[in-house]
C-alpha atoms as a PDB file:
ATOM      1  CA  MET A   1     203.076 253.154 104.968  1.00  0.00           C
ATOM      2  CA  LYS A   2     199.561 252.061 104.194  1.00  0.00           C
ATOM      3  CA  ARG A   3     198.884 249.025 104.743  1.00  0.00           C
ATOM      4  CA  ARG A   4     191.009 247.448  99.380  1.00  0.00           C
ATOM      5  CA  HIS A   5     182.474 244.023  94.371  1.00  0.00           C
ATOM      6  CA  PHE A   6     180.834 241.613  92.912  1.00  0.00           C
ATOM      7  CA  LEU A   7     180.105 237.882  92.329  1.00  0.00           C
ATOM      8  CA  ALA A   8     177.497 236.120  90.253  1.00  0.00           C
ATOM      9  CA  ALA A   9     177.934 232.629  91.648  1.00  0.00           C
ATOM     10  CA  ALA A  10     179.336 231.177  94.848  1.00  0.00           C
ATOM     11  CA  ILE A  11     182.404 228.955  94.837  1.00  0.00           C
ATOM     12  CA  THR A  12     182.700 225.949  97.079  1.00  0.00           C
ATOM     13  CA  ALA A  13     185.677 226.226  99.438  1.00  0.00           C
ATOM     14  CA  PRO A  14     188.321 223.513  99.139  1.00  0.00           C
ATOM     15  CA  ALA A  15     187.854 220.838 101.799  1.00  0.00           C
ATOM     16  CA  LEU A  16     190.559 220.276 104.398  1.00  0.00           C
ATOM     17  CA  SER A  17     190.871 216.890 106.076  1.00  0.00           C
ATOM     18  CA  SER A  18     193.126 215.851 108.908  1.00  0.00           C
ATOM     19  CA  SER A  19     194.634 213.125 106.739  1.00  0.00           C
ATOM     20  CA  VAL A  20     195.595 215.681 104.127  1.00  0.00           C
ATOM     21  CA  LEU A  21     197.185 217.884 106.765  1.00  0.00           C
ATOM     22  CA  GLN A  22     199.143 215.043 108.281  1.00  0.00           C
ATOM     23  CA  ALA A  23     200.342 214.039 104.837  1.00  0.00           C
ATOM     24  CA  ALA A  24     201.464 217.552 103.878  1.00  0.00           C
ATOM     25  CA  SER A  25     204.826 217.204 102.181  1.00  0.00           C
ATOM     26  CA  ALA A  26     207.051 218.689  99.523  1.00  0.00           C
ATOM     27  CA  ASP A  27     205.211 219.633  96.368  1.00  0.00           C
ATOM     28  CA  ALA A  28     206.748 220.108  92.937  1.00  0.00           C
ATOM     29  CA  ALA A  29     205.476 223.678  92.933  1.00  0.00           C
ATOM     30  CA  PRO A  30     206.628 226.041  95.703  1.00  0.00           C
ATOM     31  CA  LEU A  31     204.277 227.498  98.291  1.00  0.00           C
ATOM     32  CA  ARG A  32     203.614 231.098  97.209  1.00  0.00           C
ATOM     33  CA  ILE A  33     203.532 233.654 100.012  1.00  0.00           C
ATOM     34  CA  SER A  34     203.157 237.397  99.585  1.00  0.00           C
ATOM     35  CA  ALA A  35     205.308 239.595 101.807  1.00  0.00           C
ATOM     36  CA  PHE A  36     205.866 243.314 102.268  1.00  0.00           C
ATOM     37  CA  GLY A  37     208.766 244.375 100.072  1.00  0.00           C
ATOM     38  CA  GLY A  38     212.233 245.621 100.889  1.00  0.00           C
ATOM     39  CA  PHE A  39     213.986 244.626 104.102  1.00  0.00           C
ATOM     40  CA  PHE A  40     210.964 242.752 105.415  1.00  0.00           C
ATOM     41  CA  GLN A  41     210.749 240.502 102.367  1.00  0.00           C
ATOM     42  CA  ASP A  42     214.492 239.827 102.393  1.00  0.00           C
ATOM     43  CA  GLU A  43     214.539 238.863 106.070  1.00  0.00           C
ATOM     44  CA  PHE A  44     211.271 236.941 105.840  1.00  0.00           C
ATOM     45  CA  GLU A  45     212.708 234.857 103.002  1.00  0.00           C
ATOM     46  CA  SER A  46     216.087 234.215 104.572  1.00  0.00           C
ATOM     47  CA  LYS A  47     215.129 233.762 108.228  1.00  0.00           C
ATOM     48  CA  ILE A  48     211.603 232.290 108.131  1.00  0.00           C
ATOM     49  CA  CYS A  49     210.851 230.762 104.720  1.00  0.00           C
ATOM     50  CA  ARG A  50     214.252 229.120 104.351  1.00  0.00           C
ATOM     51  CA  LYS A  51     213.959 227.577 107.813  1.00  0.00           C
ATOM     52  CA  PHE A  52     210.490 226.270 106.947  1.00  0.00           C
ATOM     53  CA  THR A  53     211.845 224.632 103.790  1.00  0.00           C
ATOM     54  CA  GLN A  54     214.742 223.076 105.702  1.00  0.00           C
ATOM     55  CA  GLU A  55     212.325 221.565 108.227  1.00  0.00           C
ATOM     56  CA  THR A  56     209.598 220.401 105.856  1.00  0.00           C
ATOM     57  CA  GLY A  57     211.145 220.049 102.423  1.00  0.00           C
ATOM     58  CA  ILE A  58     208.416 222.356 101.069  1.00  0.00           C
ATOM     59  CA  PRO A  59     209.891 225.046  98.775  1.00  0.00           C
ATOM     60  CA  VAL A  60     208.669 228.617  99.224  1.00  0.00           C
ATOM     61  CA  ILE A  61     208.721 231.682  97.008  1.00  0.00           C
ATOM     62  CA  THR A  62     207.677 235.160  98.107  1.00  0.00           C
ATOM     63  CA  ILE A  63     205.718 237.719  96.116  1.00  0.00           C
ATOM     64  CA  SER A  64     206.121 241.388  96.963  1.00  0.00           C
ATOM     65  CA  GLN A  65     202.865 242.843  98.298  1.00  0.00           C
ATOM     66  CA  GLY A  66     201.640 246.325  99.078  1.00  0.00           C
ATOM     67  CA  GLN A  67     199.561 247.731 101.927  1.00  0.00           C
ATOM     68  CA  GLY A  68     195.932 248.599 102.455  1.00  0.00           C
ATOM     69  CA  ASP A  69     193.523 249.079  99.572  1.00  0.00           C
ATOM     70  CA  ASP A  70     196.372 249.130  97.048  1.00  0.00           C
ATOM     71  CA  TRP A  71     196.865 245.448  97.817  1.00  0.00           C
ATOM     72  CA  LEU A  72     193.363 244.386  98.800  1.00  0.00           C
ATOM     73  CA  PHE A  73     191.447 245.597  95.728  1.00  0.00           C
ATOM     74  CA  PRO A  74     193.606 243.709  93.197  1.00  0.00           C
ATOM     75  CA  LEU A  75     193.483 240.631  95.440  1.00  0.00           C
ATOM     76  CA  VAL A  76     189.677 240.763  95.549  1.00  0.00           C
ATOM     77  CA  ARG A  77     189.420 241.210  91.775  1.00  0.00           C
ATOM     78  CA  SER A  78     191.768 238.302  91.210  1.00  0.00           C
ATOM     79  CA  VAL A  79     189.875 235.952  93.509  1.00  0.00           C
ATOM     80  CA  ARG A  80     186.488 237.011  92.115  1.00  0.00           C
ATOM     81  CA  SER A  81     187.802 236.230  88.635  1.00  0.00           C
ATOM     82  CA  GLY A  82     188.569 232.668  89.706  1.00  0.00           C
ATOM     83  CA  LEU A  83     192.343 233.143  89.726  1.00  0.00           C
ATOM     84  CA  ASP A  84     194.746 231.643  92.241  1.00  0.00           C
ATOM     85  CA  PRO A  85     197.282 234.449  92.837  1.00  0.00           C
ATOM     86  CA  MET A  86     199.097 233.048  95.886  1.00  0.00           C
ATOM     87  CA  ASP A  87     198.708 230.541  98.722  1.00  0.00           C
ATOM     88  CA  LEU A  88     199.166 232.909 101.665  1.00  0.00           C
ATOM     89  CA  THR A  89     198.925 236.666 102.077  1.00  0.00           C
ATOM     90  CA  PHE A  90     199.063 239.241 104.860  1.00  0.00           C
ATOM     91  CA  LEU A  91     196.019 241.373 105.711  1.00  0.00           C
ATOM     92  CA  ASP A  92     195.472 243.715 108.642  1.00  0.00           C
ATOM     93  CA  GLN A  93     192.382 244.151 110.793  1.00  0.00           C
ATOM     94  CA  VAL A  94     190.807 246.694 108.442  1.00  0.00           C
ATOM     95  CA  GLY A  95     191.422 244.566 105.360  1.00  0.00           C
ATOM     96  CA  LEU A  96     190.019 241.462 107.025  1.00  0.00           C
ATOM     97  CA  THR A  97     186.964 243.376 108.216  1.00  0.00           C
ATOM     98  CA  LYS A  98     186.309 244.305 104.582  1.00  0.00           C
ATOM     99  CA  VAL A  99     186.795 240.836 103.124  1.00  0.00           C
ATOM    100  CA  ALA A 100     184.609 239.318 105.844  1.00  0.00           C
ATOM    101  CA  LYS A 101     181.772 241.519 104.610  1.00  0.00           C
ATOM    102  CA  MET A 102     182.400 240.513 100.986  1.00  0.00           C
ATOM    103  CA  GLY A 103     182.619 236.790 101.655  1.00  0.00           C
ATOM    104  CA  ASN A 104     184.615 234.106  99.809  1.00  0.00           C
ATOM    105  CA  ILE A 105     187.837 236.095  99.498  1.00  0.00           C
ATOM    106  CA  VAL A 106     189.848 234.133 102.044  1.00  0.00           C
ATOM    107  CA  GLN A 107     189.315 230.606 103.344  1.00  0.00           C
ATOM    108  CA  PRO A 108     188.195 229.768 106.885  1.00  0.00           C
ATOM    109  CA  LEU A 109     191.138 228.370 108.867  1.00  0.00           C
ATOM    110  CA  LYS A 110     191.180 225.171 110.908  1.00  0.00           C
ATOM    111  CA  LEU A 111     192.746 225.981 114.267  1.00  0.00           C
ATOM    112  CA  GLN A 112     192.470 222.352 115.392  1.00  0.00           C
ATOM    113  CA  TYR A 113     195.261 221.549 112.951  1.00  0.00           C
ATOM    114  CA  MET A 114     197.488 224.433 114.138  1.00  0.00           C
ATOM    115  CA  PRO A 115     198.419 223.817 117.794  1.00  0.00           C
ATOM    116  CA  SER A 116     200.771 226.800 118.053  1.00  0.00           C
ATOM    117  CA  ALA A 117     198.336 229.232 116.429  1.00  0.00           C
ATOM    118  CA  ALA A 118     195.473 227.905 118.556  1.00  0.00           C
ATOM    119  CA  LYS A 119     197.301 229.087 121.702  1.00  0.00           C
ATOM    120  CA  LEU A 120     197.337 232.724 120.609  1.00  0.00           C
ATOM    121  CA  ASP A 121     195.289 235.302 122.455  1.00  0.00           C
ATOM    122  CA  GLU A 122     192.040 236.012 120.630  1.00  0.00           C
ATOM    123  CA  ARG A 123     193.159 239.499 119.578  1.00  0.00           C
ATOM    124  CA  TYR A 124     195.664 237.823 117.248  1.00  0.00           C
ATOM    125  CA  LEU A 125     192.900 235.843 115.558  1.00  0.00           C
ATOM    126  CA  PHE A 126     190.436 237.457 113.173  1.00  0.00           C
ATOM    127  CA  THR A 127     187.085 235.735 113.582  1.00  0.00           C
ATOM    128  CA  SER A 128     183.847 236.478 111.735  1.00  0.00           C
ATOM    129  CA  ALA A 129     180.565 234.557 111.928  1.00  0.00           C
ATOM    130  CA  GLY A 130     182.294 231.881 113.975  1.00  0.00           C
ATOM    131  CA  GLN A 131     185.071 231.349 111.422  1.00  0.00           C
ATOM    132  CA  THR A 132     188.741 232.233 111.826  1.00  0.00           C
ATOM    133  CA  LEU A 133     189.928 234.035 108.671  1.00  0.00           C
ATOM    134  CA  GLY A 134     193.385 235.230 109.727  1.00  0.00           C
ATOM    135  CA  VAL A 135     196.103 234.419 112.258  1.00  0.00           C
ATOM    136  CA  GLY A 136     198.353 237.212 113.531  1.00  0.00           C
ATOM    137  CA  ILE A 137     201.966 236.114 113.498  1.00  0.00           C
ATOM    138  CA  MET A 138     203.612 239.481 114.162  1.00  0.00           C
ATOM    139  CA  GLU A 139     202.725 242.813 115.682  1.00  0.00           C
ATOM    140  CA  TRP A 140     204.155 246.230 114.886  1.00  0.00           C
ATOM    141  CA  TYR A 141     204.007 249.573 116.667  1.00  0.00           C
ATOM    142  CA  GLN A 142     203.764 253.126 115.415  1.00  0.00           C
ATOM    143  CA  SER A 143     205.530 255.181 118.056  1.00  0.00           C
ATOM    144  CA  ILE A 144     207.170 258.571 118.511  1.00  0.00           C
ATOM    145  CA  VAL A 145     210.485 258.958 116.736  1.00  0.00           C
ATOM    146  CA  ILE A 146     213.050 261.735 117.035  1.00  0.00           C
ATOM    147  CA  ASN A 147     216.260 262.809 115.379  1.00  0.00           C
ATOM    148  CA  PRO A 148     218.584 262.403 118.402  1.00  0.00           C
ATOM    149  CA  ASP A 149     221.159 264.709 116.817  1.00  0.00           C
ATOM    150  CA  VAL A 150     218.690 267.564 117.240  1.00  0.00           C
ATOM    151  CA  VAL A 151     216.387 266.582 120.111  1.00  0.00           C
ATOM    152  CA  ALA A 152     218.285 266.420 123.408  1.00  0.00           C
ATOM    153  CA  ARG A 153     215.342 265.414 125.624  1.00  0.00           C
ATOM    154  CA  ARG A 154     213.125 262.657 124.307  1.00  0.00           C
ATOM    155  CA  PRO A 155     209.365 263.320 124.530  1.00  0.00           C
ATOM    156  CA  THR A 156     207.530 260.831 126.696  1.00  0.00           C
ATOM    157  CA  SER A 157     203.982 261.385 125.434  1.00  0.00           C
ATOM    158  CA  TRP A 158     201.944 262.166 122.348  1.00  0.00           C
ATOM    159  CA  LYS A 159     200.571 265.184 124.214  1.00  0.00           C
ATOM    160  CA  GLU A 160     204.053 266.625 124.625  1.00  0.00           C
ATOM    161  CA  LEU A 161     204.772 266.107 120.941  1.00  0.00           C
ATOM    162  CA  PHE A 162     201.483 267.783 119.983  1.00  0.00           C
ATOM    163  CA  GLU A 163     201.767 270.763 122.354  1.00  0.00           C
ATOM    164  CA  ASP A 164     205.397 271.606 123.181  1.00  0.00           C
ATOM    165  CA  GLU A 165     206.432 274.817 121.419  1.00  0.00           C
ATOM    166  CA  PHE A 166     209.827 273.260 120.662  1.00  0.00           C
ATOM    167  CA  TYR A 167     208.173 271.007 118.085  1.00  0.00           C
ATOM    168  CA  ARG A 168     206.092 273.689 116.367  1.00  0.00           C
ATOM    169  CA  LYS A 169     206.169 273.001 112.595  1.00  0.00           C
ATOM    170  CA  LYS A 170     208.812 270.357 113.229  1.00  0.00           C
ATOM    171  CA  ILE A 171     206.897 267.090 113.472  1.00  0.00           C
ATOM    172  CA  GLY A 172     205.920 264.649 110.743  1.00  0.00           C
ATOM    173  CA  LEU A 173     202.699 262.680 111.117  1.00  0.00           C
ATOM    174  CA  ILE A 174     201.215 259.968 108.951  1.00  0.00           C
ATOM    175  CA  GLY A 175     198.801 261.659 106.566  1.00  0.00           C
ATOM    176  CA  LEU A 176     196.302 258.840 105.970  1.00  0.00           C
ATOM    177  CA  TYR A 177     192.911 258.873 107.686  1.00  0.00           C
ATOM    178  CA  ASP A 178     193.285 255.201 108.596  1.00  0.00           C
ATOM    179  CA  GLY A 179     196.985 255.457 109.441  1.00  0.00           C
ATOM    180  CA  GLY A 180     196.515 255.623 113.209  1.00  0.00           C
ATOM    181  CA  MET A 181     196.483 259.328 114.052  1.00  0.00           C
ATOM    182  CA  ILE A 182     192.725 259.448 114.596  1.00  0.00           C
ATOM    183  CA  GLU A 183     192.980 256.643 117.164  1.00  0.00           C
ATOM    184  CA  VAL A 184     196.049 258.246 118.790  1.00  0.00           C
ATOM    185  CA  VAL A 185     194.323 261.607 119.254  1.00  0.00           C
ATOM    186  CA  ALA A 186     191.144 259.882 120.455  1.00  0.00           C
ATOM    187  CA  GLN A 187     193.212 258.106 123.123  1.00  0.00           C
ATOM    188  CA  THR A 188     195.252 261.180 124.089  1.00  0.00           C
ATOM    189  CA  TYR A 189     192.417 263.710 124.414  1.00  0.00           C
ATOM    190  CA  PHE A 190     189.145 261.750 124.560  1.00  0.00           C
ATOM    191  CA  ASP A 191     187.852 258.325 125.603  1.00  0.00           C
ATOM    192  CA  GLY A 192     189.832 256.315 123.123  1.00  0.00           C
ATOM    193  CA  ASN A 193     188.107 254.415 120.342  1.00  0.00           C
ATOM    194  CA  ASP A 194     184.772 254.637 122.179  1.00  0.00           C
ATOM    195  CA  THR A 195     184.691 258.289 121.106  1.00  0.00           C
ATOM    196  CA  LEU A 196     184.688 257.184 117.468  1.00  0.00           C
ATOM    197  CA  SER A 197     181.455 255.224 117.826  1.00  0.00           C
ATOM    198  CA  SER A 198     179.407 258.279 116.779  1.00  0.00           C
ATOM    199  CA  ARG A 199     179.798 260.829 114.008  1.00  0.00           C
ATOM    200  CA  ALA A 200     179.791 263.576 116.632  1.00  0.00           C
ATOM    201  CA  GLY A 201     182.759 261.888 118.290  1.00  0.00           C
ATOM    202  CA  ILE A 202     184.549 261.483 114.969  1.00  0.00           C
ATOM    203  CA  ARG A 203     184.045 265.185 114.212  1.00  0.00           C
ATOM    204  CA  ALA A 204     185.370 266.142 117.630  1.00  0.00           C
ATOM    205  CA  VAL A 205     188.537 264.100 117.193  1.00  0.00           C
ATOM    206  CA  ILE A 206     189.282 265.452 113.727  1.00  0.00           C
ATOM    207  CA  ALA A 207     188.559 268.994 114.947  1.00  0.00           C
ATOM    208  CA  LYS A 208     191.166 268.413 117.647  1.00  0.00           C
ATOM    209  CA  ILE A 209     193.687 267.260 115.049  1.00  0.00           C
ATOM    210  CA  ALA A 210     192.955 270.472 113.130  1.00  0.00           C
ATOM    211  CA  GLU A 211     193.853 272.433 116.273  1.00  0.00           C
ATOM    212  CA  LEU A 212     197.179 270.604 116.427  1.00  0.00           C
ATOM    213  CA  LYS A 213     198.093 271.267 112.792  1.00  0.00           C
ATOM    214  CA  ASP A 214     200.454 274.120 113.675  1.00  0.00           C
ATOM    215  CA  GLN A 215     202.798 271.528 115.161  1.00  0.00           C
ATOM    216  CA  VAL A 216     202.922 269.575 111.917  1.00  0.00           C
ATOM    217  CA  GLY A 217     205.600 270.380 109.388  1.00  0.00           C
ATOM    218  CA  PHE A 218     204.933 267.410 107.171  1.00  0.00           C
ATOM    219  CA  TRP A 219     202.212 264.833 106.531  1.00  0.00           C
ATOM    220  CA  TRP A 220     203.846 261.669 105.195  1.00  0.00           C
ATOM    221  CA  THR A 221     202.260 258.756 103.369  1.00  0.00           C
ATOM    222  CA  ALA A 222     205.327 256.584 102.697  1.00  0.00           C
ATOM    223  CA  GLU A 223     208.144 255.494 104.998  1.00  0.00           C
ATOM    224  CA  SER A 224     210.814 256.894 102.707  1.00  0.00           C
ATOM    225  CA  GLN A 225     209.258 260.371 102.939  1.00  0.00           C
ATOM    226  CA  MET A 226     209.570 260.442 106.717  1.00  0.00           C
ATOM    227  CA  GLU A 227     213.088 259.000 106.600  1.00  0.00           C
ATOM    228  CA  GLN A 228     214.198 261.796 104.261  1.00  0.00           C
ATOM    229  CA  ALA A 229     212.445 264.480 106.318  1.00  0.00           C
ATOM    230  CA  LEU A 230     214.268 263.312 109.468  1.00  0.00           C
ATOM    231  CA  ARG A 231     217.610 263.049 107.705  1.00  0.00           C
ATOM    232  CA  SER A 232     217.331 266.541 106.246  1.00  0.00           C
ATOM    233  CA  GLN A 233     216.024 267.868 109.583  1.00  0.00           C
ATOM    234  CA  ASN A 234     212.928 269.305 107.916  1.00  0.00           C
ATOM    235  CA  VAL A 235     211.252 267.597 110.866  1.00  0.00           C
ATOM    236  CA  VAL A 236     212.878 266.503 114.120  1.00  0.00           C
ATOM    237  CA  ALA A 237     210.201 264.155 115.466  1.00  0.00           C
ATOM    238  CA  GLY A 238     206.896 262.533 114.640  1.00  0.00           C
ATOM    239  CA  SER A 239     205.036 259.264 114.206  1.00  0.00           C
ATOM    240  CA  PHE A 240     206.774 256.303 112.585  1.00  0.00           C
ATOM    241  CA  PHE A 241     207.045 252.523 112.642  1.00  0.00           C
ATOM    242  CA  HIS A 242     209.059 251.324 115.610  1.00  0.00           C
ATOM    243  CA  ASP A 243     210.514 248.240 113.911  1.00  0.00           C
ATOM    244  CA  ILE A 244     211.737 250.232 110.902  1.00  0.00           C
ATOM    245  CA  ALA A 245     213.195 252.882 113.213  1.00  0.00           C
ATOM    246  CA  MET A 246     215.172 250.164 115.042  1.00  0.00           C
ATOM    247  CA  LEU A 247     216.496 248.764 111.780  1.00  0.00           C
ATOM    248  CA  LEU A 248     217.471 252.241 110.552  1.00  0.00           C
ATOM    249  CA  ALA A 249     219.174 253.034 113.862  1.00  0.00           C
ATOM    250  CA  ALA A 250     221.248 249.861 113.511  1.00  0.00           C
ATOM    251  CA  GLU A 251     222.533 251.326 110.220  1.00  0.00           C
ATOM    252  CA  GLN A 252     223.569 254.574 111.961  1.00  0.00           C
ATOM    253  CA  PHE A 253     220.555 256.520 110.664  1.00  0.00           C
ATOM    254  CA  PRO A 254     219.808 259.472 113.019  1.00  0.00           C
ATOM    255  CA  ILE A 255     216.625 258.089 114.589  1.00  0.00           C
ATOM    256  CA  ALA A 256     215.414 256.918 117.995  1.00  0.00           C
ATOM    257  CA  SER A 257     211.995 255.523 118.909  1.00  0.00           C
ATOM    258  CA  VAL A 258     209.987 256.087 122.082  1.00  0.00           C
ATOM    259  CA  PHE A 259     206.925 254.258 123.419  1.00  0.00           C
ATOM    260  CA  PRO A 260     204.686 257.132 124.667  1.00  0.00           C
ATOM    261  CA  VAL A 261     202.832 256.870 127.979  1.00  0.00           C
ATOM    262  CA  GLU A 262     199.424 256.963 126.253  1.00  0.00           C
ATOM    263  CA  GLY A 263     200.434 253.913 124.209  1.00  0.00           C
ATOM    264  CA  SER A 264     201.690 253.343 120.679  1.00  0.00           C
ATOM    265  CA  PHE A 265     199.347 252.640 117.799  1.00  0.00           C
ATOM    266  CA  THR A 266     199.581 248.961 116.936  1.00  0.00           C
ATOM    267  CA  GLY A 267     198.843 246.746 113.978  1.00  0.00           C
ATOM    268  CA  ILE A 268     198.887 242.974 113.621  1.00  0.00           C
ATOM    269  CA  ASN A 269     199.823 241.342 110.337  1.00  0.00           C
ATOM    270  CA  LYS A 270     197.601 238.289 109.899  1.00  0.00           C
ATOM    271  CA  LEU A 271     198.256 235.449 107.488  1.00  0.00           C
ATOM    272  CA  CYS A 272     195.271 234.393 105.372  1.00  0.00           C
ATOM    273  CA  ILE A 273     194.698 231.792 102.673  1.00  0.00           C
ATOM    274  CA  PRO A 274     193.121 233.260  99.503  1.00  0.00           C
ATOM    275  CA  TYR A 275     189.880 231.490  98.615  1.00  0.00           C
ATOM    276  CA  ASN A 276     191.063 229.785  95.440  1.00  0.00           C
ATOM    277  CA  SER A 277     194.328 228.390  96.766  1.00  0.00           C
ATOM    278  CA  SER A 278     194.562 224.596  96.615  1.00  0.00           C
ATOM    279  CA  ARG A 279     197.633 224.416  98.894  1.00  0.00           C
ATOM    280  CA  THR A 280     195.522 224.506 102.042  1.00  0.00           C
ATOM    281  CA  ALA A 281     197.407 221.896 104.035  1.00  0.00           C
ATOM    282  CA  ASP A 282     200.850 223.378 103.438  1.00  0.00           C
ATOM    283  CA  ALA A 283     199.502 226.892 104.070  1.00  0.00           C
ATOM    284  CA  HIS A 284     198.116 225.830 107.468  1.00  0.00           C
ATOM    285  CA  ARG A 285     201.455 224.242 108.246  1.00  0.00           C
ATOM    286  CA  PHE A 286     203.290 227.474 107.437  1.00  0.00           C
ATOM    287  CA  ILE A 287     200.976 229.611 109.584  1.00  0.00           C
ATOM    288  CA  ASP A 288     201.487 227.291 112.544  1.00  0.00           C
ATOM    289  CA  PHE A 289     205.249 227.319 111.939  1.00  0.00           C
ATOM    290  CA  CYS A 290     205.283 231.143 112.193  1.00  0.00           C
ATOM    291  CA  ALA A 291     203.279 231.055 115.438  1.00  0.00           C
ATOM    292  CA  ARG A 292     205.787 228.743 117.116  1.00  0.00           C
ATOM    293  CA  ALA A 293     207.765 230.243 119.999  1.00  0.00           C
ATOM    294  CA  ASP A 294     211.197 229.683 118.424  1.00  0.00           C
ATOM    295  CA  ASN A 295     210.126 231.472 115.258  1.00  0.00           C
ATOM    296  CA  GLN A 296     208.546 234.313 117.197  1.00  0.00           C
ATOM    297  CA  ALA A 297     212.016 234.881 118.602  1.00  0.00           C
ATOM    298  CA  VAL A 298     213.316 235.114 115.020  1.00  0.00           C
ATOM    299  CA  PHE A 299     210.737 237.777 114.134  1.00  0.00           C
ATOM    300  CA  ALA A 300     211.803 239.780 117.197  1.00  0.00           C
ATOM    301  CA  ARG A 301     215.578 239.438 116.891  1.00  0.00           C
ATOM    302  CA  ALA A 302     215.989 239.673 113.126  1.00  0.00           C
ATOM    303  CA  MET A 303     213.062 241.888 112.137  1.00  0.00           C
ATOM    304  CA  LYS A 304     212.453 243.904 115.345  1.00  0.00           C
ATOM    305  CA  LEU A 305     208.757 242.949 115.423  1.00  0.00           C
ATOM    306  CA  ALA A 306     206.767 242.451 118.612  1.00  0.00           C
ATOM    307  CA  ILE A 307     206.039 238.866 119.608  1.00  0.00           C
ATOM    308  CA  VAL A 308     202.493 237.462 119.676  1.00  0.00           C
ATOM    309  CA  LEU A 309     203.156 234.886 122.409  1.00  0.00           C
ATOM    310  CA  PRO A 310     203.992 235.521 126.083  1.00  0.00           C
ATOM    311  CA  ASN A 311     207.708 236.108 126.485  1.00  0.00           C
ATOM    312  CA  GLU A 312     207.814 233.300 129.040  1.00  0.00           C
ATOM    313  CA  GLU A 313     207.395 230.994 126.041  1.00  0.00           C
ATOM    314  CA  VAL A 314     209.539 232.917 123.554  1.00  0.00           C
ATOM    315  CA  GLY A 315     212.513 233.477 125.841  1.00  0.00           C
ATOM    316  CA  LEU A 316     213.736 236.945 124.861  1.00  0.00           C
ATOM    317  CA  SER A 317     216.024 238.651 127.332  1.00  0.00           C
ATOM    318  CA  GLN A 318     214.588 241.735 129.009  1.00  0.00           C
ATOM    319  CA  ALA A 319     216.742 243.930 126.783  1.00  0.00           C
ATOM    320  CA  GLU A 320     215.574 242.111 123.648  1.00  0.00           C
ATOM    321  CA  PHE A 321     211.929 242.422 124.691  1.00  0.00           C
ATOM    322  CA  ASP A 322     212.240 246.126 125.548  1.00  0.00           C
ATOM    323  CA  LEU A 323     213.843 246.795 122.169  1.00  0.00           C
ATOM    324  CA  VAL A 324     210.819 245.565 120.197  1.00  0.00           C
ATOM    325  CA  SER A 325     207.846 245.880 122.537  1.00  0.00           C
ATOM    326  CA  SER A 326     206.327 247.614 125.538  1.00  0.00           C
ATOM    327  CA  LYS A 327     204.140 246.653 128.466  1.00  0.00           C
ATOM    328  CA  ILE A 328     202.193 249.919 128.003  1.00  0.00           C
ATOM    329  CA  PRO A 329     198.768 248.906 126.598  1.00  0.00           C
ATOM    330  CA  PRO A 330     198.753 249.701 122.873  1.00  0.00           C
ATOM    331  CA  ILE A 331     196.283 251.883 120.987  1.00  0.00           C
ATOM    332  CA  ARG A 332     194.359 249.488 118.762  1.00  0.00           C
ATOM    333  CA  PRO A 333     192.901 250.241 115.333  1.00  0.00           C
ATOM    334  CA  ALA A 334     189.220 251.208 115.263  1.00  0.00           C
ATOM    335  CA  ALA A 335     188.819 248.777 112.367  1.00  0.00           C
ATOM    336  CA  ALA A 336     185.015 248.578 112.315  1.00  0.00           C
ATOM    337  CA  VAL A 337     184.730 252.385 112.287  1.00  0.00           C
ATOM    338  CA  MET A 338     187.395 252.682 109.579  1.00  0.00           C
ATOM    339  CA  VAL A 339     185.357 250.347 107.367  1.00  0.00           C
ATOM    340  CA  GLU A 340     181.795 251.455 108.169  1.00  0.00           C
ATOM    341  CA  GLN A 341     182.570 255.196 108.140  1.00  0.00           C
ATOM    342  CA  ALA A 342     185.327 255.143 105.521  1.00  0.00           C
ATOM    343  CA  ASP A 343     183.801 257.685 103.110  1.00  0.00           C
ATOM    344  CA  TYR A 344     182.815 260.055 105.910  1.00  0.00           C
ATOM    345  CA  LEU A 345     186.226 259.823 107.586  1.00  0.00           C
ATOM    346  CA  GLN A 346     188.050 260.322 104.319  1.00  0.00           C
ATOM    347  CA  ARG A 347     186.095 263.492 103.502  1.00  0.00           C
ATOM    348  CA  LEU A 348     186.620 265.007 106.955  1.00  0.00           C
ATOM    349  CA  TRP A 349     190.276 264.065 106.983  1.00  0.00           C
ATOM    350  CA  GLN A 350     191.005 265.508 103.559  1.00  0.00           C
ATOM    351  CA  ARG A 351     189.188 268.717 104.440  1.00  0.00           C
ATOM    352  CA  MET A 352     191.213 268.957 107.669  1.00  0.00           C
ATOM    353  CA  ILE A 353     194.547 268.328 105.926  1.00  0.00           C
ATOM    354  CA  THR A 354     193.987 270.828 103.112  1.00  0.00           C
ATOM    355  CA  GLY A 355     191.851 273.403 104.939  1.00  0.00           C
END
């Protein structure tokens, strides 16, 4: 699942006043929010958006969005053309790093008008040049998954998955250079993301992945591909999204997810307001609504996503917390490297995959 120039004249950002925020109320037109398709969009609509409308009277519609560059590039073109495609959208750390460099793609946010969002740890806020451009309202993990019908003993580490002869040619890994595997291998065998700060370090990490290729039976680029590979037992383990694995397991799909000792790769979905949206007050209100402790519990219980507030505030039971999250420090995206060295990484990665 993968979750990206040009402007002749600058556009003045819509002003946001406290009086406007306080007066935010139902509008004839619904608030338009993009959301990842499928189960996520269905649950987001029914559990989060509907609750927001019940509380505020503000109608909401969702627009199905994609991941990564496939979503970001059309969004940028639309905004640069002066269009107003939606009022809120999700971007990850890499996408936000790119739009921050472009400028005037998303609006700066006003944390003083979002008391719940303002309490978040700074890693859930994307800030550039002193401006907050995105607020993380949910976190996801990419962990180790297995087919429990085939694998009797669950692996506890990435290293075991990469080296145990039992898994030779039987694991599926995400096949995108910015899908997390570079960071995972950097953490498992080197000094984490610090190793990626030089081209020599990048080459060393990708060379190590090349050494591990004999373990890999399948490089996947879409969730459905990995689901089918596990079901057919073409692979018996690999990397996959923890929340989706939990949802599949609840439907009796043969899958189990493990948080490895080195950490799981993590991503944070951050809500942003596209630059041309005029629904700034209602959009701020929605972001703050999602950051509230009671709604964080909804994300965890209904959608199996990790919470972005301390559990002391959210109130999950220990079993509920352990189902969706881990106290093992996560492996974070090397977003700056993925943006600054994108062409170089892509060439090395493609050569490694096909060589």
